[in-house]
PDB file of N, CA and C in Angstrom:
ATOM      1  N   MET A   1     116.380 101.165  92.322  1.00  0.00           N
ATOM      2  CA  MET A   1     116.531  99.573  92.896  1.00  0.00           C
ATOM      3  C   MET A   1     117.277  99.985  94.038  1.00  0.00           C
ATOM      4  N   LEU A   2     116.703  99.341  95.348  1.00  0.00           N
ATOM      5  CA  LEU A   2     117.816  99.335  96.877  1.00  0.00           C
ATOM      6  C   LEU A   2     118.143  98.034  96.988  1.00  0.00           C
ATOM      7  N   LYS A   3     119.244  97.860  97.215  1.00  0.00           N
ATOM      8  CA  LYS A   3     119.561  96.294  97.659  1.00  0.00           C
ATOM      9  C   LYS A   3     120.697  96.127  99.019  1.00  0.00           C
ATOM     10  N   ARG A   4     120.079  95.156  99.653  1.00  0.00           N
ATOM     11  CA  ARG A   4     120.570  94.804 100.881  1.00  0.00           C
ATOM     12  C   ARG A   4     120.025  95.522 101.632  1.00  0.00           C
ATOM     13  N   ILE A   5     118.923  95.794 101.685  1.00  0.00           N
ATOM     14  CA  ILE A   5     117.717  96.265 102.467  1.00  0.00           C
ATOM     15  C   ILE A   5     117.208  94.809 103.680  1.00  0.00           C
ATOM     16  N   TYR A   6     117.187  95.354 104.669  1.00  0.00           N
ATOM     17  CA  TYR A   6     116.496  94.210 105.842  1.00  0.00           C
ATOM     18  C   TYR A   6     115.325  93.406 105.501  1.00  0.00           C
ATOM     19  N   ARG A   7     115.074  92.164 105.444  1.00  0.00           N
ATOM     20  CA  ARG A   7     113.887  91.566 105.010  1.00  0.00           C
ATOM     21  C   ARG A   7     112.757  92.526 106.005  1.00  0.00           C
ATOM     22  N   SER A   8     112.641  92.773 107.005  1.00  0.00           N
ATOM     23  CA  SER A   8     111.927  93.179 107.606  1.00  0.00           C
ATOM     24  C   SER A   8     111.627  94.318 107.403  1.00  0.00           C
ATOM     25  N   THR A   9     112.388  95.231 106.686  1.00  0.00           N
ATOM     26  CA  THR A   9     112.040  96.544 106.376  1.00  0.00           C
ATOM     27  C   THR A   9     110.669  96.615 105.330  1.00  0.00           C
ATOM     28  N   PRO A  10     109.505  97.456 106.524  1.00  0.00           N
ATOM     29  CA  PRO A  10     108.444  97.946 105.715  1.00  0.00           C
ATOM     30  C   PRO A  10     108.396  99.018 104.673  1.00  0.00           C
ATOM     31  N   PRO A  11     107.315  99.136 103.655  1.00  0.00           N
ATOM     32  CA  PRO A  11     107.636  99.997 102.706  1.00  0.00           C
ATOM     33  C   PRO A  11     107.693 101.405 103.373  1.00  0.00           C
ATOM     34  N   GLU A  12     106.808 101.873 104.663  1.00  0.00           N
ATOM     35  CA  GLU A  12     106.745 102.613 105.338  1.00  0.00           C
ATOM     36  C   GLU A  12     107.977 103.233 105.666  1.00  0.00           C
ATOM     37  N   VAL A  13     108.633 102.740 106.255  1.00  0.00           N
ATOM     38  CA  VAL A  13     110.120 103.073 106.358  1.00  0.00           C
ATOM     39  C   VAL A  13     110.701 103.690 105.379  1.00  0.00           C
ATOM     40  N   ILE A  14     110.944 102.787 104.234  1.00  0.00           N
ATOM     41  CA  ILE A  14     111.388 103.339 103.084  1.00  0.00           C
ATOM     42  C   ILE A  14     110.857 104.878 102.019  1.00  0.00           C
ATOM     43  N   VAL A  15     109.579 105.006 102.280  1.00  0.00           N
ATOM     44  CA  VAL A  15     109.055 106.327 102.072  1.00  0.00           C
ATOM     45  C   VAL A  15     109.454 107.313 103.144  1.00  0.00           C
ATOM     46  N   GLU A  16     109.309 106.633 104.382  1.00  0.00           N
ATOM     47  CA  GLU A  16     109.891 107.865 105.340  1.00  0.00           C
ATOM     48  C   GLU A  16     111.557 108.233 105.034  1.00  0.00           C
ATOM     49  N   VAL A  17     112.408 107.720 104.597  1.00  0.00           N
ATOM     50  CA  VAL A  17     113.710 107.913 104.698  1.00  0.00           C
ATOM     51  C   VAL A  17     114.072 108.557 103.358  1.00  0.00           C
ATOM     52  N   LEU A  18     113.510 108.152 102.047  1.00  0.00           N
ATOM     53  CA  LEU A  18     113.371 109.187 100.859  1.00  0.00           C
ATOM     54  C   LEU A  18     112.607 110.380 100.753  1.00  0.00           C
ATOM     55  N   GLU A  19     112.007 110.161 101.837  1.00  0.00           N
ATOM     56  CA  GLU A  19     110.765 111.884 101.539  1.00  0.00           C
ATOM     57  C   GLU A  19     111.725 113.291 101.477  1.00  0.00           C
ATOM     58  N   PRO A  20     112.795 113.501 102.053  1.00  0.00           N
ATOM     59  CA  PRO A  20     113.803 114.413 101.552  1.00  0.00           C
ATOM     60  C   PRO A  20     113.942 114.710  99.912  1.00  0.00           C
ATOM     61  N   TYR A  21     114.034 113.728  99.648  1.00  0.00           N
ATOM     62  CA  TYR A  21     114.574 113.592  98.102  1.00  0.00           C
ATOM     63  C   TYR A  21     113.462 113.485  97.040  1.00  0.00           C
ATOM     64  N   VAL A  22     112.133 112.599  97.605  1.00  0.00           N
ATOM     65  CA  VAL A  22     111.673 111.990  96.713  1.00  0.00           C
ATOM     66  C   VAL A  22     110.198 112.035  97.232  1.00  0.00           C
ATOM     67  N   ARG A  23     108.893 112.576  96.557  1.00  0.00           N
ATOM     68  CA  ARG A  23     107.824 112.130  97.381  1.00  0.00           C
ATOM     69  C   ARG A  23     106.894 111.262  96.599  1.00  0.00           C
ATOM     70  N   LEU A  24     107.093 109.807  97.659  1.00  0.00           N
ATOM     71  CA  LEU A  24     106.189 108.606  97.296  1.00  0.00           C
ATOM     72  C   LEU A  24     105.159 108.572  97.935  1.00  0.00           C
ATOM     73  N   THR A  25     104.528 107.221  98.058  1.00  0.00           N
ATOM     74  CA  THR A  25     103.711 106.457  98.643  1.00  0.00           C
ATOM     75  C   THR A  25     103.961 104.998  98.982  1.00  0.00           C
ATOM     76  N   THR A  26     103.516 104.178  99.791  1.00  0.00           N
ATOM     77  CA  THR A  26     103.645 102.758 100.006  1.00  0.00           C
ATOM     78  C   THR A  26     103.260 102.283  98.733  1.00  0.00           C
ATOM     79  N   ALA A  27     102.706 102.762  97.874  1.00  0.00           N
ATOM     80  CA  ALA A  27     102.039 102.337  96.342  1.00  0.00           C
ATOM     81  C   ALA A  27     102.932 102.112  95.658  1.00  0.00           C
ATOM     82  N   ASN A  28     103.941 103.082  95.483  1.00  0.00           N
ATOM     83  CA  ASN A  28     105.333 103.146  94.897  1.00  0.00           C
ATOM     84  C   ASN A  28     106.582 102.384  95.212  1.00  0.00           C
ATOM     85  N   ILE A  29     105.642 101.677  96.190  1.00  0.00           N
ATOM     86  CA  ILE A  29     107.506 101.026  96.675  1.00  0.00           C
ATOM     87  C   ILE A  29     106.944  98.970  96.469  1.00  0.00           C
ATOM     88  N   ARG A  30     108.081  98.445  96.146  1.00  0.00           N
ATOM     89  CA  ARG A  30     107.963  97.014  95.832  1.00  0.00           C
ATOM     90  C   ARG A  30     108.780  96.428  96.805  1.00  0.00           C
ATOM     91  N   ILE A  31     108.635  95.487  97.513  1.00  0.00           N
ATOM     92  CA  ILE A  31     109.746  94.796  98.424  1.00  0.00           C
ATOM     93  C   ILE A  31     109.448  93.216  97.768  1.00  0.00           C
ATOM     94  N   ILE A  32     111.374  92.496  97.034  1.00  0.00           N
ATOM     95  CA  ILE A  32     111.447  91.324  96.839  1.00  0.00           C
ATOM     96  C   ILE A  32     112.380  90.378  97.873  1.00  0.00           C
ATOM     97  N   LYS A  33     112.184  89.681  98.436  1.00  0.00           N
ATOM     98  CA  LYS A  33     112.711  88.843  99.367  1.00  0.00           C
ATOM     99  C   LYS A  33     113.332  87.707  98.704  1.00  0.00           C
ATOM    100  N   ASN A  34     114.131  87.564  98.527  1.00  0.00           N
ATOM    101  CA  ASN A  34     114.907  86.602  97.890  1.00  0.00           C
ATOM    102  C   ASN A  34     115.130  85.066  99.092  1.00  0.00           C
ATOM    103  N   ARG A  35     114.561  84.289  98.610  1.00  0.00           N
ATOM    104  CA  ARG A  35     113.850  83.093 100.055  1.00  0.00           C
ATOM    105  C   ARG A  35     115.135  81.794  99.645  1.00  0.00           C
ATOM    106  N   THR A  36     116.171  82.223  98.833  1.00  0.00           N
ATOM    107  CA  THR A  36     117.104  81.122  98.993  1.00  0.00           C
ATOM    108  C   THR A  36     118.188  80.884  99.919  1.00  0.00           C
ATOM    109  N   GLY A  37     117.694  81.558 101.268  1.00  0.00           N
ATOM    110  CA  GLY A  37     118.245  81.519 102.449  1.00  0.00           C
ATOM    111  C   GLY A  37     118.456  82.268 103.327  1.00  0.00           C
ATOM    112  N   HIS A  38     118.531  82.595 104.522  1.00  0.00           N
ATOM    113  CA  HIS A  38     119.009  82.773 105.762  1.00  0.00           C
ATOM    114  C   HIS A  38     119.365  84.427 105.185  1.00  0.00           C
ATOM    115  N   MET A  39     120.543  84.866 104.458  1.00  0.00           N
ATOM    116  CA  MET A  39     121.071  85.739 104.186  1.00  0.00           C
ATOM    117  C   MET A  39     121.248  86.169 102.987  1.00  0.00           C
ATOM    118  N   GLY A  40     120.039  85.718 102.083  1.00  0.00           N
ATOM    119  CA  GLY A  40     119.887  86.124 101.129  1.00  0.00           C
ATOM    120  C   GLY A  40     119.505  87.571 100.950  1.00  0.00           C
ATOM    121  N   HIS A  41     119.680  88.619  99.796  1.00  0.00           N
ATOM    122  CA  HIS A  41     119.498  89.563  99.659  1.00  0.00           C
ATOM    123  C   HIS A  41     118.090  90.238  99.727  1.00  0.00           C
ATOM    124  N   THR A  42     117.634  90.986  99.965  1.00  0.00           N
ATOM    125  CA  THR A  42     116.315  91.477  99.742  1.00  0.00           C
ATOM    126  C   THR A  42     116.333  92.947  99.080  1.00  0.00           C
ATOM    127  N   TYR A  43     115.672  93.090  98.054  1.00  0.00           N
ATOM    128  CA  TYR A  43     115.476  94.241  97.017  1.00  0.00           C
ATOM    129  C   TYR A  43     114.004  95.173  97.152  1.00  0.00           C
ATOM    130  N   GLY A  44     114.669  96.257  97.387  1.00  0.00           N
ATOM    131  CA  GLY A  44     113.377  97.481  96.893  1.00  0.00           C
ATOM    132  C   GLY A  44     113.201  98.254  96.006  1.00  0.00           C
ATOM    133  N   PHE A  45     112.180  98.119  94.850  1.00  0.00           N
ATOM    134  CA  PHE A  45     112.312  98.919  93.952  1.00  0.00           C
ATOM    135  C   PHE A  45     111.220  99.526  94.181  1.00  0.00           C
ATOM    136  N   ILE A  46     111.022 101.183  93.386  1.00  0.00           N
ATOM    137  CA  ILE A  46     110.620 102.050  93.474  1.00  0.00           C
ATOM    138  C   ILE A  46     110.072 102.829  92.176  1.00  0.00           C
ATOM    139  N   ASP A  47     108.838 102.740  92.037  1.00  0.00           N
ATOM    140  CA  ASP A  47     108.132 103.096  90.884  1.00  0.00           C
ATOM    141  C   ASP A  47     108.383 105.173  90.697  1.00  0.00           C
ATOM    142  N   LEU A  48     108.930 105.393  89.911  1.00  0.00           N
ATOM    143  CA  LEU A  48     108.757 106.952  89.969  1.00  0.00           C
ATOM    144  C   LEU A  48     107.965 107.174  88.496  1.00  0.00           C
ATOM    145  N   ASP A  49     107.950 108.888  88.559  1.00  0.00           N
ATOM    146  CA  ASP A  49     106.753 109.058  87.321  1.00  0.00           C
ATOM    147  C   ASP A  49     107.704 109.417  85.914  1.00  0.00           C
ATOM    148  N   SER A  50     108.928 109.236  86.197  1.00  0.00           N
ATOM    149  CA  SER A  50     109.562 109.385  84.492  1.00  0.00           C
ATOM    150  C   SER A  50     111.287 108.696  84.640  1.00  0.00           C
ATOM    151  N   HIS A  51     111.815 108.533  83.719  1.00  0.00           N
ATOM    152  CA  HIS A  51     113.454 108.313  83.812  1.00  0.00           C
ATOM    153  C   HIS A  51     113.668 109.501  84.077  1.00  0.00           C
ATOM    154  N   ALA A  52     113.903 109.994  84.007  1.00  0.00           N
ATOM    155  CA  ALA A  52     114.594 111.572  84.402  1.00  0.00           C
ATOM    156  C   ALA A  52     114.272 111.573  85.711  1.00  0.00           C
ATOM    157  N   GLU A  53     113.539 111.412  86.405  1.00  0.00           N
ATOM    158  CA  GLU A  53     113.090 111.642  87.991  1.00  0.00           C
ATOM    159  C   GLU A  53     114.200 110.499  88.398  1.00  0.00           C
ATOM    160  N   ALA A  54     114.222 109.257  88.114  1.00  0.00           N
ATOM    161  CA  ALA A  54     114.604 108.248  88.739  1.00  0.00           C
ATOM    162  C   ALA A  54     116.269 108.403  88.504  1.00  0.00           C
ATOM    163  N   LEU A  55     116.685 109.078  87.698  1.00  0.00           N
ATOM    164  CA  LEU A  55     117.979 109.166  87.413  1.00  0.00           C
ATOM    165  C   LEU A  55     118.383 110.306  88.412  1.00  0.00           C
ATOM    166  N   ARG A  56     117.326 110.977  88.476  1.00  0.00           N
ATOM    167  CA  ARG A  56     117.704 112.066  89.712  1.00  0.00           C
ATOM    168  C   ARG A  56     117.748 111.689  90.946  1.00  0.00           C
ATOM    169  N   VAL A  57     117.127 110.887  91.215  1.00  0.00           N
ATOM    170  CA  VAL A  57     117.063 110.399  92.666  1.00  0.00           C
ATOM    171  C   VAL A  57     118.435 109.346  92.903  1.00  0.00           C
ATOM    172  N   VAL A  58     118.446 108.386  92.064  1.00  0.00           N
ATOM    173  CA  VAL A  58     119.577 107.725  92.013  1.00  0.00           C
ATOM    174  C   VAL A  58     120.990 108.525  92.179  1.00  0.00           C
ATOM    175  N   LYS A  59     121.059 109.336  91.303  1.00  0.00           N
ATOM    176  CA  LYS A  59     122.464 110.245  91.589  1.00  0.00           C
ATOM    177  C   LYS A  59     122.478 111.097  93.226  1.00  0.00           C
ATOM    178  N   ILE A  60     121.703 111.518  93.477  1.00  0.00           N
ATOM    179  CA  ILE A  60     121.664 112.346  94.940  1.00  0.00           C
ATOM    180  C   ILE A  60     121.971 110.975  95.715  1.00  0.00           C
ATOM    181  N   LEU A  61     121.336 109.581  95.939  1.00  0.00           N
ATOM    182  CA  LEU A  61     120.770 109.095  96.927  1.00  0.00           C
ATOM    183  C   LEU A  61     122.558 108.338  96.496  1.00  0.00           C
ATOM    184  N   GLN A  62     123.478 108.119  95.238  1.00  0.00           N
ATOM    185  CA  GLN A  62     124.756 107.622  95.393  1.00  0.00           C
ATOM    186  C   GLN A  62     125.745 108.669  96.147  1.00  0.00           C
ATOM    187  N   ASN A  63     125.789 109.836  96.150  1.00  0.00           N
ATOM    188  CA  ASN A  63     126.798 110.724  96.228  1.00  0.00           C
ATOM    189  C   ASN A  63     126.462 111.186  97.844  1.00  0.00           C
ATOM    190  N   LEU A  64     125.534 110.656  98.577  1.00  0.00           N
ATOM    191  CA  LEU A  64     125.269 111.149  99.976  1.00  0.00           C
ATOM    192  C   LEU A  64     126.706 110.885 100.914  1.00  0.00           C
ATOM    193  N   ASP A  65     127.034 111.394 101.355  1.00  0.00           N
ATOM    194  CA  ASP A  65     127.769 111.507 102.597  1.00  0.00           C
ATOM    195  C   ASP A  65     127.585 111.831 103.897  1.00  0.00           C
ATOM    196  N   PRO A  66     127.544 110.979 104.716  1.00  0.00           N
ATOM    197  CA  PRO A  66     127.410 109.587 104.824  1.00  0.00           C
ATOM    198  C   PRO A  66     126.643 108.680 103.992  1.00  0.00           C
ATOM    199  N   PRO A  67     127.144 107.425 103.117  1.00  0.00           N
ATOM    200  CA  PRO A  67     126.482 106.808 102.050  1.00  0.00           C
ATOM    201  C   PRO A  67     124.581 106.549 102.722  1.00  0.00           C
ATOM    202  N   PHE A  68     124.246 106.398 101.828  1.00  0.00           N
ATOM    203  CA  PHE A  68     122.584 106.210 102.519  1.00  0.00           C
ATOM    204  C   PHE A  68     122.541 104.775 102.691  1.00  0.00           C
ATOM    205  N   SER A  69     121.659 104.863 103.740  1.00  0.00           N
ATOM    206  CA  SER A  69     121.436 103.992 104.630  1.00  0.00           C
ATOM    207  C   SER A  69     119.898 104.002 105.417  1.00  0.00           C
ATOM    208  N   ILE A  70     119.164 102.732 105.467  1.00  0.00           N
ATOM    209  CA  ILE A  70     118.038 102.325 106.099  1.00  0.00           C
ATOM    210  C   ILE A  70     118.397 101.712 107.236  1.00  0.00           C
ATOM    211  N   ALA A  71     117.819 101.876 108.292  1.00  0.00           N
ATOM    212  CA  ALA A  71     117.551 101.389 109.413  1.00  0.00           C
ATOM    213  C   ALA A  71     119.040 100.857 110.078  1.00  0.00           C
ATOM    214  N   GLY A  72     120.318 101.965 109.705  1.00  0.00           N
ATOM    215  CA  GLY A  72     121.361 101.770 110.282  1.00  0.00           C
ATOM    216  C   GLY A  72     122.407 100.925 109.097  1.00  0.00           C
ATOM    217  N   LYS A  73     121.403 100.233 108.072  1.00  0.00           N
ATOM    218  CA  LYS A  73     122.082  99.205 107.634  1.00  0.00           C
ATOM    219  C   LYS A  73     122.563 100.254 105.629  1.00  0.00           C
ATOM    220  N   MET A  74     123.843  99.955 105.623  1.00  0.00           N
ATOM    221  CA  MET A  74     123.845 100.859 103.707  1.00  0.00           C
ATOM    222  C   MET A  74     123.338 100.304 103.051  1.00  0.00           C
ATOM    223  N   VAL A  75     122.839 100.875 102.134  1.00  0.00           N
ATOM    224  CA  VAL A  75     122.349 100.480 100.775  1.00  0.00           C
ATOM    225  C   VAL A  75     122.679 100.444  99.639  1.00  0.00           C
ATOM    226  N   ALA A  76     122.768  99.474  98.820  1.00  0.00           N
ATOM    227  CA  ALA A  76     123.235 100.260  97.026  1.00  0.00           C
ATOM    228  C   ALA A  76     122.471 100.484  96.856  1.00  0.00           C
ATOM    229  N   VAL A  77     122.631 101.435  95.409  1.00  0.00           N
ATOM    230  CA  VAL A  77     121.351 102.200  95.056  1.00  0.00           C
ATOM    231  C   VAL A  77     121.514 102.370  93.652  1.00  0.00           C
ATOM    232  N   ASN A  78     120.812 101.710  92.605  1.00  0.00           N
ATOM    233  CA  ASN A  78     121.066 101.509  91.150  1.00  0.00           C
ATOM    234  C   ASN A  78     119.793 101.684  90.746  1.00  0.00           C
ATOM    235  N   LEU A  79     120.000 102.023  89.849  1.00  0.00           N
ATOM    236  CA  LEU A  79     118.713 102.378  88.575  1.00  0.00           C
ATOM    237  C   LEU A  79     118.294 100.642  88.060  1.00  0.00           C
ATOM    238  N   ALA A  80     117.221 100.401  88.279  1.00  0.00           N
ATOM    239  CA  ALA A  80     117.218  98.822  87.579  1.00  0.00           C
ATOM    240  C   ALA A  80     116.496  99.120  86.379  1.00  0.00           C
ATOM    241  N   THR A  81     117.314  97.769  85.711  1.00  0.00           N
ATOM    242  CA  THR A  81     117.301  97.866  84.288  1.00  0.00           C
ATOM    243  C   THR A  81     116.871  96.066  83.469  1.00  0.00           C
ATOM    244  N   GLY A  82     116.118  96.337  82.586  1.00  0.00           N
ATOM    245  CA  GLY A  82     115.572  94.984  82.311  1.00  0.00           C
ATOM    246  C   GLY A  82     113.894  95.181  82.742  1.00  0.00           C
ATOM    247  N   LYS A  83     113.216  94.508  82.192  1.00  0.00           N
ATOM    248  CA  LYS A  83     112.043  93.723  82.218  1.00  0.00           C
ATOM    249  C   LYS A  83     111.169  93.826  83.676  1.00  0.00           C
ATOM    250  N   ARG A  84     110.131  94.378  84.161  1.00  0.00           N
ATOM    251  CA  ARG A  84     109.569  94.128  85.210  1.00  0.00           C
ATOM    252  C   ARG A  84     109.045  92.435  84.943  1.00  0.00           C
ATOM    253  N   ARG A  85     108.855  91.992  85.788  1.00  0.00           N
ATOM    254  CA  ARG A  85     108.346  90.113  85.859  1.00  0.00           C
ATOM    255  C   ARG A  85     106.903  90.477  86.097  1.00  0.00           C
TER     256      ARG A  85
END
């Protein structure tokens, strides 16, 4: 899960910035916009082939220096847990 991405971030941008770490298409990306206010968080969810691959990518992104960012904004990276809605 990518947290605090810009509301206007298209899936193509996420695919592009993650290209060095994992092979994706826009079909692998879901962007969920919190509509509870202008400053609500926007989340990006990435569907990967396996849990092991997800763990590998999360670990890489969390350990980047400088921290992982999209369009100049630092993004929190976590493993999404729970059931898909």
